[in-house]
């Protein structure tokens, strides 16, 4: 994971077993490959992307369309192919989305607002 991929508010996972925080919210990003999360500094090498799953889509308020494999929220449709890969689909655009922070960033780019967890 690269610092350029991250935005403030992105959710990532902690790989360091010494810390018992598993899901972290990025609060600041430093020039020396450090990120701050709730008064603790982590190296980017200690963090990893959270794989996107159906559970995460539902946590973000997406609705699953009946028996089909796609989810929607606002005007964004996320489909899941036969291999279990999620992607944004539009008429001529298919963008693979592998992680939670990629989905958060895509949503920000398209709608200009944060994708937040449902209460």
C-alpha atoms as a PDB file:
ATOM      1  CA  UNK A   1       0.000   0.000   0.000  1.00  0.00           C
ATOM      2  CA  UNK A   2       1.332   3.432  -0.924  1.00  0.00           C
ATOM      3  CA  UNK A   3       0.742   6.729   0.865  1.00  0.00           C
ATOM      4  CA  UNK A   4      -0.687   8.172  -2.380  1.00  0.00           C
ATOM      5  CA  UNK A   5      -3.535   5.649  -2.224  1.00  0.00           C
ATOM      6  CA  UNK A   6      -4.719   6.855   1.166  1.00  0.00           C
ATOM      7  CA  UNK A   7      -6.927   9.723   2.256  1.00  0.00           C
ATOM      8  CA  UNK A   8      -7.802  10.927   5.705  1.00  0.00           C
ATOM      9  CA  UNK A   9     -10.672   8.813   6.995  1.00  0.00           C
ATOM     10  CA  UNK A  10      -9.693   5.683   5.063  1.00  0.00           C
ATOM     11  CA  UNK A  11     -10.043   2.398   6.899  1.00  0.00           C
ATOM     12  CA  UNK A  12      -7.061   0.020   6.903  1.00  0.00           C
ATOM     13  CA  UNK A  13      -5.991  -3.059   8.835  1.00  0.00           C
ATOM     14  CA  UNK A  14      -3.099  -3.360  11.280  1.00  0.00           C
ATOM     15  CA  UNK A  15      -0.631  -6.180  10.588  1.00  0.00           C
ATOM     16  CA  UNK A  16       1.401  -5.672  13.769  1.00  0.00           C
ATOM     17  CA  UNK A  17       0.411  -8.312  16.356  1.00  0.00           C
ATOM     18  CA  UNK A  18       1.814  -6.148  19.194  1.00  0.00           C
ATOM     19  CA  UNK A  19      -1.082  -3.729  18.759  1.00  0.00           C
ATOM     20  CA  UNK A  20      -4.567  -5.047  19.285  1.00  0.00           C
ATOM     21  CA  UNK A  21      -6.270  -2.516  17.010  1.00  0.00           C
ATOM     22  CA  UNK A  22      -7.399  -4.375  13.926  1.00  0.00           C
ATOM     23  CA  UNK A  23      -9.340  -1.745  11.936  1.00  0.00           C
ATOM     24  CA  UNK A  24      -7.771   1.712  11.899  1.00  0.00           C
ATOM     25  CA  UNK A  25      -8.953   5.076  10.572  1.00  0.00           C
ATOM     26  CA  UNK A  26      -6.241   7.221   8.970  1.00  0.00           C
ATOM     27  CA  UNK A  27      -6.045  10.602  10.735  1.00  0.00           C
ATOM     28  CA  UNK A  28      -2.890  12.006   9.143  1.00  0.00           C
ATOM     29  CA  UNK A  29      -0.262  10.960   6.640  1.00  0.00           C
ATOM     30  CA  UNK A  30       3.369  11.973   7.137  1.00  0.00           C
ATOM     31  CA  UNK A  31       6.140  12.488   4.613  1.00  0.00           C
ATOM     32  CA  UNK A  32       8.236   9.662   6.043  1.00  0.00           C
ATOM     33  CA  UNK A  33       5.815   6.798   5.335  1.00  0.00           C
ATOM     34  CA  UNK A  34       4.054   7.151   8.678  1.00  0.00           C
ATOM     35  CA  UNK A  35       0.357   7.481   9.341  1.00  0.00           C
ATOM     36  CA  UNK A  36      -1.259   8.615  12.555  1.00  0.00           C
ATOM     37  CA  UNK A  37      -4.198   6.817  14.061  1.00  0.00           C
ATOM     38  CA  UNK A  38      -5.588   7.972  17.394  1.00  0.00           C
ATOM     39  CA  UNK A  39      -2.318   9.341  18.766  1.00  0.00           C
ATOM     40  CA  UNK A  40      -0.277   6.367  17.566  1.00  0.00           C
ATOM     41  CA  UNK A  41       2.088   6.337  14.616  1.00  0.00           C
ATOM     42  CA  UNK A  42       2.251   3.408  12.237  1.00  0.00           C
ATOM     43  CA  UNK A  43       4.609   2.778   9.363  1.00  0.00           C
ATOM     44  CA  UNK A  44       2.829   2.035   6.112  1.00  0.00           C
ATOM     45  CA  UNK A  45       4.569  -1.337   6.162  1.00  0.00           C
ATOM     46  CA  UNK A  46       2.562  -2.170   9.317  1.00  0.00           C
ATOM     47  CA  UNK A  47      -0.760  -1.578   7.570  1.00  0.00           C
ATOM     48  CA  UNK A  48      -2.596  -3.454   4.894  1.00  0.00           C
ATOM     49  CA  UNK A  49      -5.745  -2.904   2.861  1.00  0.00           C
ATOM     50  CA  UNK A  50      -8.997  -4.395   4.118  1.00  0.00           C
ATOM     51  CA  UNK A  51     -10.362  -6.715   1.430  1.00  0.00           C
ATOM     52  CA  UNK A  52     -13.749  -5.592   0.130  1.00  0.00           C
ATOM     53  CA  UNK A  53     -16.537  -8.044   0.993  1.00  0.00           C
ATOM     54  CA  UNK A  54     -20.314  -8.111   0.841  1.00  0.00           C
ATOM     55  CA  UNK A  55     -20.318  -7.486   4.600  1.00  0.00           C
ATOM     56  CA  UNK A  56     -18.369  -4.232   4.147  1.00  0.00           C
ATOM     57  CA  UNK A  57     -20.706  -3.055   1.398  1.00  0.00           C
ATOM     58  CA  UNK A  58     -23.688  -3.595   3.679  1.00  0.00           C
ATOM     59  CA  UNK A  59     -21.896  -1.792   6.553  1.00  0.00           C
ATOM     60  CA  UNK A  60     -21.516   1.218   4.249  1.00  0.00           C
ATOM     61  CA  UNK A  61     -25.243   1.240   3.498  1.00  0.00           C
ATOM     62  CA  UNK A  62     -25.263  -0.494   0.120  1.00  0.00           C
ATOM     63  CA  UNK A  63     -28.329  -2.569  -0.673  1.00  0.00           C
ATOM     64  CA  UNK A  64     -28.025  -5.963  -2.295  1.00  0.00           C
ATOM     65  CA  UNK A  65     -30.342  -6.400  -5.250  1.00  0.00           C
ATOM     66  CA  UNK A  66     -32.412  -9.515  -4.563  1.00  0.00           C
ATOM     67  CA  UNK A  67     -30.999 -12.630  -6.129  1.00  0.00           C
ATOM     68  CA  UNK A  68     -28.450 -10.812  -8.280  1.00  0.00           C
ATOM     69  CA  UNK A  69     -24.840 -10.172  -7.388  1.00  0.00           C
ATOM     70  CA  UNK A  70     -24.852  -6.397  -7.355  1.00  0.00           C
ATOM     71  CA  UNK A  71     -25.129  -3.752  -4.666  1.00  0.00           C
ATOM     72  CA  UNK A  72     -26.228  -0.154  -5.010  1.00  0.00           C
ATOM     73  CA  UNK A  73     -26.122   3.093  -3.076  1.00  0.00           C
ATOM     74  CA  UNK A  74     -27.110   6.438  -4.536  1.00  0.00           C
ATOM     75  CA  UNK A  75     -26.131   6.114  -8.218  1.00  0.00           C
ATOM     76  CA  UNK A  76     -23.215   3.754  -7.620  1.00  0.00           C
ATOM     77  CA  UNK A  77     -23.561   0.107  -8.590  1.00  0.00           C
ATOM     78  CA  UNK A  78     -20.995  -2.427  -7.404  1.00  0.00           C
ATOM     79  CA  UNK A  79     -21.162  -5.823  -9.063  1.00  0.00           C
ATOM     80  CA  UNK A  80     -19.533  -9.102  -8.087  1.00  0.00           C
ATOM     81  CA  UNK A  81     -18.451 -11.432 -10.854  1.00  0.00           C
ATOM     82  CA  UNK A  82     -18.323 -15.234 -10.799  1.00  0.00           C
ATOM     83  CA  UNK A  83     -14.777 -15.119  -9.425  1.00  0.00           C
ATOM     84  CA  UNK A  84     -15.865 -13.052  -6.436  1.00  0.00           C
ATOM     85  CA  UNK A  85     -14.234  -9.848  -7.711  1.00  0.00           C
ATOM     86  CA  UNK A  86     -16.081  -6.588  -7.033  1.00  0.00           C
ATOM     87  CA  UNK A  87     -16.159  -3.814  -9.611  1.00  0.00           C
ATOM     88  CA  UNK A  88     -17.969  -0.578 -10.308  1.00  0.00           C
ATOM     89  CA  UNK A  89     -20.028  -0.921 -13.420  1.00  0.00           C
ATOM     90  CA  UNK A  90     -21.470   1.744 -15.608  1.00  0.00           C
ATOM     91  CA  UNK A  91     -22.283   1.784 -19.297  1.00  0.00           C
ATOM     92  CA  UNK A  92     -18.665   1.899 -20.488  1.00  0.00           C
ATOM     93  CA  UNK A  93     -16.713   1.800 -17.229  1.00  0.00           C
ATOM     94  CA  UNK A  94     -15.624  -1.228 -15.236  1.00  0.00           C
ATOM     95  CA  UNK A  95     -13.289  -0.497 -12.324  1.00  0.00           C
ATOM     96  CA  UNK A  96     -12.119  -3.338 -10.094  1.00  0.00           C
ATOM     97  CA  UNK A  97     -12.360  -2.548  -6.377  1.00  0.00           C
ATOM     98  CA  UNK A  98     -10.216  -4.767  -4.172  1.00  0.00           C
ATOM     99  CA  UNK A  99     -10.240  -2.950  -0.851  1.00  0.00           C
ATOM    100  CA  UNK A 100     -12.360  -0.849   1.485  1.00  0.00           C
ATOM    101  CA  UNK A 101     -10.159   2.237   1.103  1.00  0.00           C
ATOM    102  CA  UNK A 102     -10.441   2.035  -2.703  1.00  0.00           C
ATOM    103  CA  UNK A 103     -14.239   2.020  -2.379  1.00  0.00           C
ATOM    104  CA  UNK A 104     -14.078   4.978   0.024  1.00  0.00           C
ATOM    105  CA  UNK A 105     -11.880   6.925  -2.405  1.00  0.00           C
ATOM    106  CA  UNK A 106     -14.068   6.080  -5.405  1.00  0.00           C
ATOM    107  CA  UNK A 107     -17.182   7.211  -3.571  1.00  0.00           C
ATOM    108  CA  UNK A 108     -15.453  10.472  -2.591  1.00  0.00           C
ATOM    109  CA  UNK A 109     -14.430  11.111  -6.213  1.00  0.00           C
ATOM    110  CA  UNK A 110     -17.904  10.443  -7.583  1.00  0.00           C
ATOM    111  CA  UNK A 111     -20.080  12.110  -4.934  1.00  0.00           C
ATOM    112  CA  UNK A 112     -17.786  14.537  -3.075  1.00  0.00           C
ATOM    113  CA  UNK A 113     -18.687  13.134   0.305  1.00  0.00           C
ATOM    114  CA  UNK A 114     -17.366  10.509   2.681  1.00  0.00           C
ATOM    115  CA  UNK A 115     -18.646   6.967   2.584  1.00  0.00           C
ATOM    116  CA  UNK A 116     -19.430   6.302   6.228  1.00  0.00           C
ATOM    117  CA  UNK A 117     -20.389   3.226   8.183  1.00  0.00           C
ATOM    118  CA  UNK A 118     -24.062   2.822   9.019  1.00  0.00           C
ATOM    119  CA  UNK A 119     -24.833   3.417  12.691  1.00  0.00           C
END
